[in-house]
N, C-alpha and C. Protein backbone atom coordinates (compact mmCIF):
# COMPACT_ATOMS: atom_id res chain seq x y z
N UNK A 1 -2.07 6.57 4.85
CA UNK A 1 -1.65 6.11 5.25
C UNK A 1 -0.16 5.87 5.05
N UNK A 2 0.23 5.00 6.48
CA UNK A 2 1.62 5.01 6.80
C UNK A 2 1.68 3.81 6.01
N UNK A 3 3.36 3.53 6.46
CA UNK A 3 4.04 2.52 6.03
C UNK A 3 3.58 1.34 5.69
N UNK A 4 3.40 0.41 7.36
CA UNK A 4 2.64 -0.39 7.21
C UNK A 4 1.97 -1.14 7.10
N UNK A 5 0.47 0.04 6.93
CA UNK A 5 -0.51 -0.09 6.61
C UNK A 5 -0.86 -0.91 5.46
N UNK A 6 -0.12 -0.07 4.67
CA UNK A 6 0.33 -0.03 3.00
C UNK A 6 0.43 -1.35 2.52
N UNK A 7 1.68 -1.71 3.28
CA UNK A 7 2.15 -2.93 3.07
C UNK A 7 1.58 -4.23 3.46
N UNK A 8 0.49 -4.32 4.02
CA UNK A 8 -0.58 -5.25 4.70
C UNK A 8 -1.33 -5.10 3.31
N UNK A 9 -1.67 -4.28 3.42
CA UNK A 9 -2.92 -3.81 1.81
C UNK A 9 -2.42 -4.51 0.93
N UNK A 10 -1.03 -3.77 0.19
CA UNK A 10 -0.52 -4.48 -1.25
C UNK A 10 0.29 -6.52 -0.60
N UNK A 11 0.29 -7.00 0.34
CA UNK A 11 0.34 -8.31 0.98
C UNK A 11 -0.94 -9.31 0.71
N UNK A 12 -2.59 -8.23 1.12
CA UNK A 12 -3.30 -9.18 1.52
C UNK A 12 -4.10 -8.86 -0.29
N UNK A 13 -3.69 -7.77 -1.15
CA UNK A 13 -3.76 -8.09 -3.19
C UNK A 13 -3.58 -9.21 -3.09
N UNK A 14 -1.66 -9.12 -3.58
CA UNK A 14 -1.55 -10.39 -3.96
C UNK A 14 -2.22 -11.35 -3.36
N UNK A 15 -2.37 -12.32 -2.49
CA UNK A 15 -3.19 -13.41 -1.54
C UNK A 15 -4.40 -13.26 -2.37
N UNK A 16 -4.99 -12.29 -2.81
CA UNK A 16 -6.21 -12.64 -2.98
C UNK A 16 -6.39 -12.63 -3.95
N UNK A 17 -5.52 -11.81 -4.92
CA UNK A 17 -4.99 -12.02 -6.74
C UNK A 17 -4.68 -13.13 -7.47
N UNK A 18 -3.42 -14.06 -6.32
CA UNK A 18 -2.80 -15.43 -6.32
C UNK A 18 -4.02 -16.44 -6.81
N UNK A 19 -4.97 -16.16 -5.46
CA UNK A 19 -5.78 -17.26 -5.48
C UNK A 19 -6.87 -17.41 -6.21
N UNK A 20 -7.92 -15.95 -6.56
CA UNK A 20 -8.42 -16.04 -7.52
C UNK A 20 -7.95 -16.68 -8.90
N UNK A 21 -6.47 -16.17 -9.50
CA UNK A 21 -5.96 -16.58 -10.27
C UNK A 21 -5.67 -18.36 -10.58
N UNK A 22 -5.36 -18.64 -9.39
CA UNK A 22 -5.53 -20.56 -9.17
C UNK A 22 -6.95 -21.48 -9.50
N UNK A 23 -7.72 -20.40 -8.81
CA UNK A 23 -8.88 -20.66 -8.40
C UNK A 23 -9.59 -20.74 -10.65
N UNK A 24 -9.47 -19.97 -11.29
CA UNK A 24 -9.85 -19.35 -12.43
C UNK A 24 -9.02 -20.21 -12.98
N UNK A 25 -8.09 -20.37 -13.00
CA UNK A 25 -7.55 -22.03 -13.98
C UNK A 25 -6.80 -23.28 -13.63
N UNK A 26 -8.39 -23.22 -12.08
CA UNK A 26 -7.95 -24.66 -12.05
C UNK A 26 -9.63 -25.08 -12.32
N UNK A 27 -10.48 -23.91 -11.86
CA UNK A 27 -12.24 -24.66 -12.86
C UNK A 27 -12.60 -23.91 -13.71
N UNK A 28 -12.17 -22.68 -14.34
CA UNK A 28 -13.33 -22.73 -15.81
C UNK A 28 -12.13 -23.11 -16.35
N UNK A 29 -10.50 -22.91 -16.74
CA UNK A 29 -9.62 -23.95 -17.66
C UNK A 29 -9.60 -22.25 -18.52
N UNK A 30 -9.86 -20.91 -18.13
CA UNK A 30 -9.16 -19.93 -18.61
C UNK A 30 -8.38 -19.37 -18.30
N UNK A 31 -7.83 -19.65 -20.00
CA UNK A 31 -6.71 -18.53 -20.23
C UNK A 31 -7.40 -16.83 -19.85
N UNK A 32 -8.14 -16.59 -20.56
CA UNK A 32 -8.37 -15.12 -20.47
C UNK A 32 -9.60 -15.14 -19.61
N UNK A 33 -10.25 -15.12 -18.55
CA UNK A 33 -10.29 -14.72 -17.21
C UNK A 33 -9.52 -14.61 -16.21
N UNK A 34 -8.61 -15.46 -16.32
CA UNK A 34 -7.31 -15.85 -15.55
C UNK A 34 -5.93 -14.16 -16.47
N UNK A 35 -5.93 -14.06 -17.27
CA UNK A 35 -4.63 -12.49 -17.47
C UNK A 35 -5.22 -11.93 -16.33
N UNK A 36 -6.31 -11.40 -16.37
CA UNK A 36 -6.34 -9.59 -15.02
C UNK A 36 -5.83 -10.11 -14.06
N UNK A 37 -6.56 -11.29 -13.66
CA UNK A 37 -5.50 -11.54 -12.32
C UNK A 37 -4.31 -11.66 -12.01
N UNK A 38 -3.47 -12.63 -13.22
CA UNK A 38 -2.02 -12.31 -13.09
C UNK A 38 -1.02 -11.12 -13.27
N UNK A 39 -1.64 -10.07 -14.60
CA UNK A 39 -1.56 -9.46 -13.88
C UNK A 39 -1.70 -7.68 -13.18
N UNK A 40 -2.40 -8.28 -11.95
CA UNK A 40 -3.32 -7.42 -10.44
C UNK A 40 -2.07 -7.95 -9.62
N UNK A 41 -1.85 -9.66 -9.51
CA UNK A 41 -0.71 -9.73 -8.26
C UNK A 41 0.82 -9.61 -8.99
N UNK A 42 0.90 -9.22 -10.20
CA UNK A 42 2.31 -9.16 -10.30
C UNK A 42 1.90 -7.48 -10.48
N UNK A 43 1.30 -6.51 -10.44
CA UNK A 43 1.06 -5.61 -10.33
C UNK A 43 1.49 -4.56 -8.73
N UNK A 44 0.85 -5.86 -7.59
CA UNK A 44 0.61 -5.93 -6.04
C UNK A 44 2.14 -6.23 -5.70
N UNK A 45 3.03 -7.03 -6.94
CA UNK A 45 4.50 -7.25 -6.47
C UNK A 45 5.37 -6.10 -6.14
N UNK A 46 5.07 -5.95 -7.91
CA UNK A 46 5.98 -4.82 -7.89
C UNK A 46 6.12 -3.92 -7.04
N UNK A 47 4.39 -3.10 -6.76
CA UNK A 47 4.59 -1.90 -5.66
C UNK A 47 4.93 -1.67 -4.36
N UNK A 48 4.73 -3.64 -4.07
CA UNK A 48 5.25 -3.62 -2.52
C UNK A 48 6.70 -3.58 -3.00
N UNK A 49 7.48 -4.26 -4.29
CA UNK A 49 9.31 -4.12 -3.68
C UNK A 49 9.44 -2.73 -4.11
N UNK A 50 9.13 -2.00 -4.64
CA UNK A 50 9.07 -0.49 -4.88
C UNK A 50 8.45 0.38 -3.35
N UNK A 51 7.66 -0.37 -2.35
CA UNK A 51 7.64 0.54 -1.04
C UNK A 51 9.06 -0.35 0.02
N UNK A 52 8.65 -1.62 -0.11
CA UNK A 52 10.41 -2.27 0.83
C UNK A 52 11.33 -1.35 0.28
N UNK A 53 12.08 -1.28 -0.98
CA UNK A 53 13.44 -0.45 -1.47
C UNK A 53 13.22 0.48 -0.41
N UNK A 54 12.54 1.41 -0.39
CA UNK A 54 12.39 3.06 -0.32
C UNK A 54 13.06 2.60 1.55
N UNK A 55 12.78 1.74 1.97
CA UNK A 55 12.54 1.58 3.31
C UNK A 55 14.02 0.69 4.00
C-alpha cells in the first residue's frame, strides 16, 4: 500500500473513531464503552504522525 493511500486510511480511521467516541459519550454517557474508541483515535493519530514524519 502506498503512502498516500495509507494516509487516507489513517485519516478516515481518525474521523470514524472520533465520531464513535463522541457518540458513545453523548448517548450512552459511559466511559467504559468510550475508552476503546479514544485509544483507537490516539493510535491512528500516532501512526499518522509517524508516517508524515518520514516524508
